[in-house]
Protein backbone atom coordinates (compact mmCIF):
# COMPACT_ATOMS: atom_id res chain seq x y z
CA MET A 1 -32.80 204.20 88.34
CA GLU A 2 -30.50 206.55 86.44
CA LYS A 3 -29.30 208.29 89.61
CA LEU A 4 -28.90 205.05 91.53
CA PHE A 5 -27.18 202.90 88.89
CA LYS A 6 -25.83 205.48 86.38
CA LEU A 7 -27.23 203.63 83.39
CA ARG A 8 -26.28 206.17 80.69
CA GLU A 9 -22.70 206.29 81.94
CA HIS A 10 -22.48 202.54 81.43
CA GLY A 11 -24.23 202.62 78.04
CA THR A 12 -27.20 200.55 79.12
CA THR A 13 -30.95 200.77 79.74
CA VAL A 14 -33.42 199.55 82.33
CA GLN A 15 -34.71 196.93 79.88
CA ARG A 16 -31.24 195.51 79.19
CA GLU A 17 -30.42 195.35 82.89
CA ILE A 18 -33.64 193.54 83.74
CA VAL A 19 -33.16 191.06 80.90
CA GLY A 20 -29.59 190.52 82.08
CA GLY A 21 -30.77 189.95 85.65
CA ILE A 22 -33.44 187.45 84.57
CA THR A 23 -30.88 185.61 82.41
CA THR A 24 -28.42 185.37 85.30
CA PHE A 25 -31.17 184.14 87.61
CA LEU A 26 -32.32 181.42 85.23
CA ALA A 27 -28.71 180.32 84.75
CA MET A 28 -28.40 180.05 88.56
CA THR A 29 -31.76 178.50 89.49
CA TYR A 30 -30.20 175.06 89.71
CA ILE A 31 -28.68 176.12 93.05
CA LEU A 32 -32.20 176.26 94.55
CA ALA A 33 -32.55 172.54 93.92
CA VAL A 34 -28.95 171.36 94.26
CA ASN A 35 -27.97 173.14 97.50
CA PRO A 36 -30.82 171.77 99.66
CA GLY A 37 -30.21 168.29 98.24
CA MET A 38 -26.48 168.55 98.96
CA LEU A 39 -26.71 169.94 102.52
CA SER A 40 -29.55 167.63 103.48
CA GLN A 41 -27.02 164.80 103.17
CA ALA A 42 -25.18 166.51 106.03
CA GLY A 43 -28.31 166.15 108.17
CA MET A 44 -29.77 169.62 107.57
CA PRO A 45 -33.51 169.98 106.80
CA ALA A 46 -33.90 170.46 103.04
CA GLY A 47 -36.81 172.90 103.38
CA GLY A 48 -34.89 175.17 105.72
CA VAL A 49 -31.84 175.07 103.44
CA PHE A 50 -33.99 176.03 100.44
CA THR A 51 -35.25 179.08 102.34
CA ALA A 52 -31.72 179.96 103.43
CA THR A 53 -30.42 179.55 99.86
CA ALA A 54 -33.02 181.86 98.32
CA LEU A 55 -32.87 184.43 101.13
CA SER A 56 -29.08 184.63 101.31
CA ALA A 57 -28.78 184.88 97.52
CA GLY A 58 -31.44 187.60 97.35
CA ILE A 59 -29.90 189.64 100.16
CA ALA A 60 -26.33 189.29 98.85
CA CYS A 61 -27.33 190.27 95.28
CA ILE A 62 -29.14 193.37 96.52
CA ILE A 63 -26.17 194.38 98.69
CA MET A 64 -23.88 193.94 95.66
CA ALA A 65 -26.22 196.10 93.57
CA LEU A 66 -26.47 198.96 96.06
CA ALA A 67 -22.91 198.90 97.43
CA ALA A 68 -20.83 198.14 94.31
CA ASN A 69 -23.18 198.77 91.35
CA LEU A 70 -21.79 195.73 89.54
CA PRO A 71 -23.73 193.06 87.55
CA VAL A 72 -22.47 190.27 89.80
CA ALA A 73 -24.92 187.83 91.40
CA LEU A 74 -24.22 185.74 94.48
CA ALA A 75 -25.55 182.53 96.02
CA PRO A 76 -24.28 179.54 98.01
CA GLY A 77 -21.40 178.23 95.93
CA MET A 78 -21.01 174.82 94.32
CA GLY A 79 -17.89 173.01 95.39
CA LEU A 80 -17.97 174.75 98.74
CA ASN A 81 -21.28 173.06 99.59
CA ALA A 82 -19.76 169.71 98.55
CA PHE A 83 -16.75 170.34 100.80
CA PHE A 84 -19.18 171.30 103.59
CA THR A 85 -21.12 168.04 103.26
CA PHE A 86 -18.72 165.34 102.13
CA SER A 87 -15.41 166.51 103.62
CA VAL A 88 -16.29 168.40 106.81
CA VAL A 89 -19.45 166.63 108.00
CA MET A 90 -19.25 163.14 106.48
CA GLY A 91 -15.46 162.89 106.11
CA MET A 92 -14.19 164.55 109.31
CA GLY A 93 -17.20 163.62 111.40
CA CYS A 94 -18.00 167.22 112.35
CA SER A 95 -21.51 168.46 113.02
CA TRP A 96 -23.15 170.71 110.44
CA GLN A 97 -23.44 173.30 113.21
CA LEU A 98 -19.63 173.40 113.48
CA ALA A 99 -19.31 173.68 109.70
CA LEU A 100 -21.73 176.63 109.71
CA THR A 101 -19.61 178.24 112.43
CA ALA A 102 -16.52 178.02 110.20
CA VAL A 103 -18.45 179.62 107.33
CA PHE A 104 -19.76 182.38 109.60
CA LEU A 105 -16.31 183.26 111.00
CA GLU A 106 -14.77 183.10 107.52
CA GLY A 107 -17.29 185.71 106.38
CA LEU A 108 -16.46 187.97 109.33
CA LEU A 109 -12.73 187.77 108.54
CA PHE A 110 -13.47 188.56 104.89
CA ILE A 111 -15.42 191.64 105.92
CA ILE A 112 -12.36 192.88 107.83
CA LEU A 113 -10.00 192.07 104.94
CA SER A 114 -12.34 193.79 102.45
CA VAL A 115 -12.87 196.97 104.48
CA THR A 116 -9.12 197.27 105.13
CA ASN A 117 -8.38 196.90 101.39
CA VAL A 118 -6.33 193.69 101.80
CA ARG A 119 -8.43 191.74 99.28
CA GLU A 120 -8.39 194.69 96.87
CA ALA A 121 -4.57 194.81 97.09
CA ILE A 122 -4.41 191.13 96.19
CA ILE A 123 -6.64 191.63 93.13
CA ASN A 124 -4.50 194.57 92.00
CA ALA A 125 -1.36 192.44 92.43
CA ILE A 126 -2.51 189.95 89.78
CA PRO A 127 -0.63 190.82 86.51
CA ILE A 128 -2.75 192.22 83.67
CA ASN A 129 -2.10 189.27 81.32
CA LEU A 130 -3.13 186.85 84.06
CA LYS A 131 -6.33 188.82 84.59
CA LYS A 132 -7.15 188.44 80.90
CA ALA A 133 -6.27 184.75 81.13
CA ILE A 134 -8.63 184.35 84.10
CA ALA A 135 -11.50 185.61 81.94
CA VAL A 136 -10.59 183.13 79.18
CA GLY A 137 -10.20 180.27 81.66
CA ILE A 138 -13.57 181.03 83.20
CA GLY A 139 -15.05 180.98 79.70
CA LEU A 140 -13.77 177.43 79.14
CA PHE A 141 -14.76 176.46 82.68
CA ILE A 142 -18.35 177.64 82.27
CA THR A 143 -18.55 176.01 78.82
CA LEU A 144 -17.59 172.71 80.42
CA ILE A 145 -20.26 173.25 83.08
CA GLY A 146 -22.85 173.85 80.36
CA LEU A 147 -21.84 170.76 78.37
CA ALA A 148 -21.92 168.63 81.53
CA ASP A 149 -25.25 170.08 82.71
CA ALA A 150 -26.86 169.11 79.41
CA GLY A 151 -25.27 165.66 79.55
CA ILE A 152 -23.48 166.26 76.26
CA VAL A 153 -20.08 165.32 77.70
CA SER A 154 -19.40 162.50 80.14
CA SER A 155 -16.54 160.49 81.61
CA GLU A 156 -18.52 157.31 80.90
CA THR A 157 -17.48 157.21 77.23
CA GLY A 158 -14.39 155.07 77.83
CA THR A 159 -12.07 158.10 77.74
CA ILE A 160 -11.27 160.79 80.31
CA ILE A 161 -14.09 162.86 78.85
CA GLY A 162 -16.04 162.69 75.60
CA PHE A 163 -19.28 163.38 73.77
CA ILE A 164 -22.07 160.91 74.36
CA THR A 165 -24.31 159.62 71.58
CA ILE A 166 -26.73 162.52 71.20
CA LYS A 167 -30.10 161.01 70.31
CA SER A 168 -32.53 162.01 73.04
CA GLY A 169 -32.97 163.51 76.50
CA GLY A 170 -31.13 166.45 77.95
CA ALA A 171 -28.18 166.18 75.55
CA LEU A 172 -30.45 166.53 72.50
CA LEU A 173 -32.34 169.40 74.13
CA GLY A 174 -29.02 171.09 74.92
CA VAL A 175 -27.92 170.88 71.29
CA ILE A 176 -31.30 172.11 70.01
CA GLY A 177 -31.21 174.96 72.52
CA LEU A 178 -27.67 175.89 71.51
CA VAL A 179 -28.64 176.05 67.83
CA ILE A 180 -31.69 178.20 68.65
CA THR A 181 -29.70 180.52 70.92
CA ALA A 182 -26.88 180.93 68.39
CA ILE A 183 -29.37 181.74 65.61
CA LEU A 184 -31.12 184.31 67.80
CA TYR A 185 -27.78 185.90 68.68
CA VAL A 186 -26.52 186.00 65.08
CA CYS A 187 -29.83 187.59 64.01
CA ASN A 188 -29.36 190.27 66.72
CA VAL A 189 -32.58 189.33 68.49
CA PRO A 190 -32.73 191.18 71.84
CA ALA A 191 -32.45 188.97 74.95
CA SER A 192 -31.30 186.01 72.81
CA LEU A 193 -29.87 184.09 75.77
CA LEU A 194 -33.03 184.51 77.85
CA LEU A 195 -35.29 183.58 74.94
CA GLY A 196 -33.12 180.54 74.30
CA ILE A 197 -33.64 179.35 77.89
CA ILE A 198 -37.41 179.88 77.74
CA ILE A 199 -37.83 178.21 74.33
CA SER A 200 -35.64 175.28 75.38
CA THR A 201 -37.69 174.80 78.55
CA ILE A 202 -40.90 174.67 76.51
CA ILE A 203 -39.43 172.28 73.92
CA GLY A 204 -38.28 170.09 76.78
CA ILE A 205 -41.88 169.37 77.87
CA PRO A 206 -42.82 166.96 75.03
CA MET A 207 -39.29 165.55 75.14
CA GLY A 208 -39.77 164.60 78.78
CA VAL A 209 -36.81 166.70 79.94
CA THR A 210 -38.91 169.49 81.43
CA THR A 211 -41.02 167.72 84.02
CA VAL A 212 -44.38 169.23 84.95
CA PRO A 213 -45.75 167.28 87.96
CA GLN A 214 -49.42 166.36 88.27
CA GLY A 215 -51.46 168.93 90.14
CA PHE A 216 -48.75 171.51 89.44
CA THR A 217 -49.13 174.84 91.20
CA ALA A 218 -46.63 177.67 90.90
CA ILE A 219 -47.16 179.00 94.42
CA SER A 220 -45.52 177.55 97.53
CA LEU A 221 -44.85 178.69 101.09
CA PRO A 222 -41.24 178.67 102.33
CA ALA A 223 -40.09 176.62 105.30
CA ALA A 224 -38.48 178.32 108.28
CA PRO A 225 -34.72 178.96 107.92
CA ILE A 226 -32.16 177.37 110.24
CA PHE A 227 -31.30 180.52 112.16
CA CYS A 228 -27.93 180.92 113.96
CA GLN A 229 -27.34 177.22 114.66
CA PHE A 230 -23.65 177.57 115.59
CA ASP A 231 -21.22 175.50 117.63
CA PHE A 232 -18.23 177.44 118.99
CA SER A 233 -16.98 174.65 121.25
CA GLN A 234 -14.18 173.53 118.87
CA VAL A 235 -13.05 176.80 117.27
CA LEU A 236 -9.58 176.59 118.87
CA THR A 237 -8.80 173.08 117.56
CA PHE A 238 -6.45 172.26 114.66
CA LYS A 239 -9.27 170.45 112.84
CA PHE A 240 -11.38 173.61 112.91
CA PHE A 241 -8.46 175.68 111.65
CA MET A 242 -8.04 173.38 108.62
CA ILE A 243 -11.78 173.58 107.85
CA PHE A 244 -11.72 177.36 108.27
CA PHE A 245 -8.62 177.78 106.07
CA THR A 246 -10.03 175.64 103.23
CA PHE A 247 -13.29 177.61 103.16
CA LEU A 248 -11.22 180.80 103.27
CA PHE A 249 -8.87 179.90 100.42
CA VAL A 250 -11.44 178.56 97.96
CA ASP A 251 -13.95 181.35 98.58
CA PHE A 252 -11.27 184.05 98.42
CA PHE A 253 -9.85 183.16 95.03
CA ASP A 254 -13.09 181.91 93.45
CA THR A 255 -14.55 185.34 94.22
CA ILE A 256 -11.51 187.19 92.87
CA GLY A 257 -11.53 185.13 89.68
CA THR A 258 -15.25 185.64 89.13
CA LEU A 259 -15.07 189.41 89.70
CA VAL A 260 -12.14 189.74 87.30
CA GLY A 261 -13.85 187.60 84.67
CA VAL A 262 -17.22 189.36 84.87
CA ALA A 263 -15.67 192.86 84.92
CA THR A 264 -13.44 192.03 81.96
CA GLN A 265 -16.32 190.66 79.90
CA ALA A 266 -18.51 193.65 80.75
CA GLY A 267 -15.76 196.10 79.80
CA LEU A 268 -15.79 197.61 83.30
CA ALA A 269 -12.10 197.06 84.12
CA ASP A 270 -9.64 199.84 83.22
CA LYS A 271 -6.54 199.42 81.04
CA ASN A 272 -4.60 198.03 84.01
CA GLY A 273 -7.32 195.52 84.79
CA LYS A 274 -8.54 197.31 87.92
CA ILE A 275 -12.21 196.80 88.78
CA PRO A 276 -14.29 199.81 89.89
CA ARG A 277 -15.71 199.70 93.43
CA VAL A 278 -14.09 196.29 93.96
CA LYS A 279 -13.75 197.00 97.70
CA TRP A 280 -17.53 197.15 98.07
CA ALA A 281 -18.03 194.14 95.79
CA LEU A 282 -15.77 192.10 98.05
CA THR A 283 -17.54 193.45 101.14
CA ALA A 284 -20.92 192.45 99.70
CA ASP A 285 -19.56 188.94 99.07
CA ALA A 286 -18.24 188.71 102.64
CA VAL A 287 -21.47 189.97 104.21
CA GLY A 288 -23.41 187.47 102.09
CA THR A 289 -21.29 184.63 103.46
CA SER A 290 -21.92 185.54 107.12
CA VAL A 291 -25.63 186.21 106.53
CA GLY A 292 -25.94 182.89 104.68
CA ALA A 293 -24.35 181.03 107.61
CA MET A 294 -26.74 182.74 110.02
CA LEU A 295 -29.69 181.64 107.87
CA GLY A 296 -28.36 178.08 107.52
CA THR A 297 -26.39 177.54 104.32
CA SER A 298 -22.81 177.05 103.15
CA THR A 299 -20.56 179.80 101.79
CA VAL A 300 -22.23 182.48 99.64
CA THR A 301 -19.98 183.58 96.81
CA SER A 302 -20.00 185.44 93.49
CA PHE A 303 -21.36 183.24 90.72
CA VAL A 304 -19.58 182.74 87.42
CA GLU A 305 -23.05 182.45 85.82
CA SER A 306 -23.20 186.26 86.19
CA THR A 307 -21.40 186.27 82.84
CA ALA A 308 -24.63 185.05 81.23
CA GLY A 309 -26.38 188.22 82.42
CA VAL A 310 -23.49 190.38 81.20
CA ALA A 311 -23.69 188.69 77.81
CA ALA A 312 -27.41 189.55 77.78
CA GLY A 313 -26.64 193.25 78.35
CA GLY A 314 -26.17 193.66 82.10
CA ARG A 315 -23.62 196.33 83.05
CA THR A 316 -24.73 197.75 86.42
CA GLY A 317 -26.09 196.82 89.82
CA LEU A 318 -29.63 196.89 88.43
CA CYS A 319 -28.82 193.55 86.81
CA ALA A 320 -27.77 192.08 90.19
CA MET A 321 -30.77 193.75 91.87
CA THR A 322 -33.13 192.01 89.42
CA THR A 323 -31.51 188.66 90.14
CA GLY A 324 -31.79 189.27 93.88
CA VAL A 325 -35.46 190.18 93.70
CA LEU A 326 -36.17 187.03 91.67
CA PHE A 327 -34.43 184.93 94.33
CA LEU A 328 -36.72 186.48 96.96
CA ILE A 329 -39.78 185.86 94.77
CA SER A 330 -38.66 182.26 94.31
CA LEU A 331 -39.39 181.69 98.00
CA PHE A 332 -43.07 181.68 97.00
CA LEU A 333 -42.80 180.48 93.38
CA SER A 334 -40.20 177.76 93.72
CA PRO A 335 -42.15 175.10 91.72
CA LEU A 336 -42.29 177.45 88.71
CA PHE A 337 -38.60 178.29 88.70
CA LEU A 338 -37.56 174.71 89.36
CA LEU A 339 -39.32 173.64 86.16
CA VAL A 340 -36.36 174.98 84.15
CA PRO A 341 -34.05 171.98 83.52
CA SER A 342 -30.28 172.33 83.48
CA ALA A 343 -30.29 171.29 79.81
CA ALA A 344 -32.27 174.47 79.02
CA THR A 345 -29.77 176.80 80.71
CA ALA A 346 -26.74 174.95 79.34
CA PRO A 347 -26.84 176.67 75.89
CA ALA A 348 -26.59 180.08 77.56
CA LEU A 349 -23.50 178.97 79.50
CA ILE A 350 -21.88 177.56 76.36
CA MET A 351 -22.51 180.81 74.48
CA VAL A 352 -20.97 182.74 77.37
CA GLY A 353 -17.84 180.64 76.86
CA PHE A 354 -17.71 181.95 73.29
CA PHE A 355 -18.07 185.54 74.50
CA MET A 356 -15.32 185.22 77.12
CA ILE A 357 -12.72 183.32 75.11
CA LYS A 358 -12.38 186.34 72.82
CA ASN A 359 -10.18 187.93 75.51
CA VAL A 360 -7.39 185.53 74.52
CA VAL A 361 -6.34 187.79 71.63
CA ASP A 362 -5.33 190.53 74.08
CA ILE A 363 -2.85 188.33 75.99
CA ASP A 364 0.85 188.93 75.30
CA PHE A 365 2.02 185.47 74.23
CA LYS A 366 5.18 186.86 72.58
CA ASP A 367 6.78 187.20 76.03
CA PRO A 368 6.93 183.62 77.42
CA THR A 369 7.16 184.92 81.00
CA GLU A 370 3.71 186.44 80.43
CA GLY A 371 2.24 183.94 77.99
CA ILE A 372 3.09 180.67 79.75
CA PRO A 373 1.56 181.68 83.13
CA ALA A 374 -1.53 182.88 81.25
CA PHE A 375 -1.72 179.53 79.44
CA VAL A 376 -1.33 177.66 82.75
CA ALA A 377 -4.19 179.63 84.33
CA ILE A 378 -6.41 179.04 81.30
CA ILE A 379 -5.96 175.26 81.17
CA VAL A 380 -6.03 174.59 84.91
CA MET A 381 -9.46 176.16 85.46
CA PRO A 382 -11.49 173.72 83.30
CA PHE A 383 -9.19 170.71 83.75
CA ALA A 384 -8.92 171.04 87.55
CA TYR A 385 -12.55 172.24 87.68
CA SER A 386 -11.45 175.10 89.93
CA ILE A 387 -11.12 178.85 89.37
CA ALA A 388 -9.06 179.14 92.56
CA ASP A 389 -6.51 176.53 91.40
CA GLY A 390 -6.22 178.26 88.03
CA ILE A 391 -5.30 181.55 89.70
CA ALA A 392 -2.89 179.84 92.11
CA TRP A 393 -0.92 177.91 89.49
CA GLY A 394 -0.90 180.90 87.13
CA ILE A 395 0.69 183.10 89.80
CA ILE A 396 3.20 180.39 90.77
CA ALA A 397 4.25 180.01 87.12
CA TYR A 398 4.47 183.79 86.73
CA ALA A 399 6.77 184.20 89.75
CA VAL A 400 9.02 181.26 88.81
CA LEU A 401 9.48 182.34 85.19
CA LYS A 402 10.14 185.96 86.12
CA LEU A 403 12.72 184.74 88.63
CA VAL A 404 14.65 182.49 86.23
CA SER A 405 14.52 185.11 83.44
CA ARG A 406 15.88 187.78 85.83
CA LYS A 407 12.81 189.99 85.51
CA THR A 408 12.09 190.10 89.23
CA LYS A 409 11.57 193.88 89.20
CA GLU A 410 8.40 193.33 87.15
CA VAL A 411 6.80 191.33 89.97
CA PRO A 412 5.05 193.26 92.80
CA VAL A 413 5.84 192.24 96.38
CA VAL A 414 2.25 191.06 96.97
CA THR A 415 2.54 188.74 93.95
CA TRP A 416 5.69 187.17 95.40
CA LEU A 417 3.88 186.63 98.71
CA LEU A 418 0.93 185.01 96.95
CA ALA A 419 3.22 182.68 95.01
CA VAL A 420 4.93 181.55 98.23
CA ILE A 421 1.59 181.04 100.02
CA PHE A 422 0.22 178.99 97.11
CA LEU A 423 3.35 176.83 96.97
CA LEU A 424 3.21 176.15 100.70
CA ARG A 425 -0.49 175.27 100.44
CA TYR A 426 0.15 172.65 97.76
CA ILE A 427 3.25 171.29 99.51
CA PHE A 428 1.42 170.77 102.82
CA LYS A 429 -2.00 169.97 101.39
């Protein structure tokens, strides 16, 4: 393990990495239930999608571990699966086979862009203060996810968003779990996030939040995946191009934002914000996307919930390897893992928000041409519910303010190109 993952160099141990990997996995298990339910609405068999979800996540995590040695876990992404189902299949009237084809080809293009260092160049072109802002924005974004998962916040309160009356159910369990997790963390109890998830799951049983079905058995056999069900008949049409481009854009910048956020929180980025072995991390993400499409699921991408594992001590690929192995095991133990309710994992996500928002003190707010774009990126991520949009509007603001303040020499050429591309995307969206 030491030779493979260089644990001492990263100041970690096998135990910490495994705990981090388990924590990340538990924070991500919802995808095993949500993704089959989402894609089945597009006409795909739920059992086959479950198998594809677990397999693609396991394979992609292991590739990330071995190729990039980073604590970043991957799985079919939320948002992208909704676009797959509701926009492409149900909205545009396309077959799910055609949608899978777009995902598959997007992954192949990403492999080329990653190997040729194009994606790495784009990451390096993001200004250092914006990179720090991305980490903060992701912290707020994942906090909002945690609050929503527990049912603590809702848009049904008569305002845009607000706290519900917390008396019972998932919201109460989320608050109890948050108190327990915070106490464990303050008392320096090892694996506090993981223990918080486990304790919350157990407390949820008498509360009726954790549902244990009658005749419960932890072992199950996976259904056959939907292997290579592609439709290339419409790949040269304008409709296909729009589908392909949307998958490309969202996956591209969600992945970049997640990698920057996780690396920043883990202390792996250098003083200029550069991420080690980012080329191979991006390649692992791209391979995961194409493999996932071959197995029968929507775009596989880096998960922001990886920050939960980093907060629990994960610093190397062993953390991602652990998560990947657990995804493969879940093929046969899905009923056990699916017992964990979202309200039990929500406290871990909220605590991660606390860990990540601390990066805000390192942002240069004294220079408005640096501080305002950082602020824009931070607020757009949770309010637009999109990491990609946060990056896009942050870069646009950065370019515009540098231009009007006559500081154009501070802006790399690639950053100018990104700003123009983002503007054109929103103009013609």
